[in-house]
Amino acid sequence: MAKDTMKVTISFLCMLALVDTSVTTAFAPLSSVFSLQSIGIVGGKQSARGVLHVASASSSDVKSEVAVSAELEPTTKNDLLVKLVSWKVVSFPETQMVASVFLGCVATFALNNLLSVGPIKSSSIVGMISTMLLPEKLALGAFCGSFAGMAREAVIPGITASAVLGLVSAFAMVLFDRKKWLIGVGGRLGFIAQLGCTSQFLISSLFFAQHAAAKLVGPYPHITPNLLLQLLPACIYTVVGALLMSAWKEALASQSKRAGYSDVATGTLKRLSTSVAAVSVTGLVMSLFPVSVAGPAFCGSFIAMSSPEKIETYGGLIGASLVGGVSQIFLAGVLLGGWGGKLGTCSLLGVLLYKKMMLFMAAYSKALKGRTPKPDTAKRL
């Protein structure tokens, strides 16, 4: 029988999925974006291949479209063998997010390394520009990219490498958003940036010699008496950064709700009251001080990005900041050479470890006294 060929284009949230395992593997990158529902059988009979599906996007922000070219070849009277010729994504749901993270990374890297602005100030400048020009979600993406771009050239050697880092971090951000990992936890964006930076460093290490200053782990011992002397100042400055960020955010949020402002002024105040703006302001202010002060304070401002569901009270914010300060000291011997996202990783550890400590203490107190401790009543906004 002569081969019957038909070109099929399925668009507007539609795609052709084949039951054959080897072919469906090709659609693996789309499986978490699309929810498949069977709407019919090609050739009128369900076989090992040839089930037609329609898909709906999981994200309502951006319309998705997949164009599929398929070749249909009759094999029996009642069945058709579907051969996949090609497929391409016309519109990827997270295209704007990927672009935001990418541009934030490259811009910060250029400011930091090519113009010698400094990592904290560079990230804060990119964050402030992003929050004034972009929707809040995309501003968060650009801010995540800026944390990756804080890397020094010893770790990420050159602007081309920073572009690759921007893409790696962008797709890590997309993965974390799709899986809803660590939502609402302060330091999440920096942790994503650190994963991107570490992944690129490890992969490039397989092919290229690395700078002598760039190391995953430094010489043993990591913790020295001189380093321990920095513990108290690090904890104090981390708390200061967290409180400064929180104070700015709440003051601007309260101001934006007052009557008497024009629409433009109200919109500007709302943008300046976002977490990205509050952290950026903290970074710009603290970058006027030595790195030993600015670094912990910037780290503390990330902790204050935690949602009220994760850190409910100001006591919790201070406690998590103290643990974040300790984390900075104990991670001093790893990720050396100017690693992007290291401060964010310390912030993340501060929040998560503090939460675990509180749960353990509550369970221990309940077992010991037969009652739960009295909760802190000073709620965060």
Foldseek 3Di string as FASTA:
>chain_A
DDWDWDWDWDWFQFDFAWLQPVRNVVCVVCPLFWDWDFDAAALRDDDSIGTGTGTDGPDPPDTWIKTFTWTWGDDDNRHIHIHGDDIDTPDDPCPLLLVLLLVLQLQLLCCCEVVVVALLLSLLVQLQVLLVPHDPVSSLSSSLSSLLNQFYCLQQPDSVSSNVLSNLLSVLVVVCVSVVPPPQAQLPSLVSSLVSSVVSSVVVVVPDPGRPQFFQFADPPLADPVLVVLLVVLLVLLLVLQVQLLVQLVVLVVVLPDPDDDPVVSVVSNSCNALSNSLSVSSNVQVVDDCSRSLSSSLSSSRNSGDCVLPWASVSSSQLSSQLSVLCSVCNRGRGRRGRSPSSVSSSCSSVVSVVVQVVVQVVCCVVPVDGDDDDDHTRD
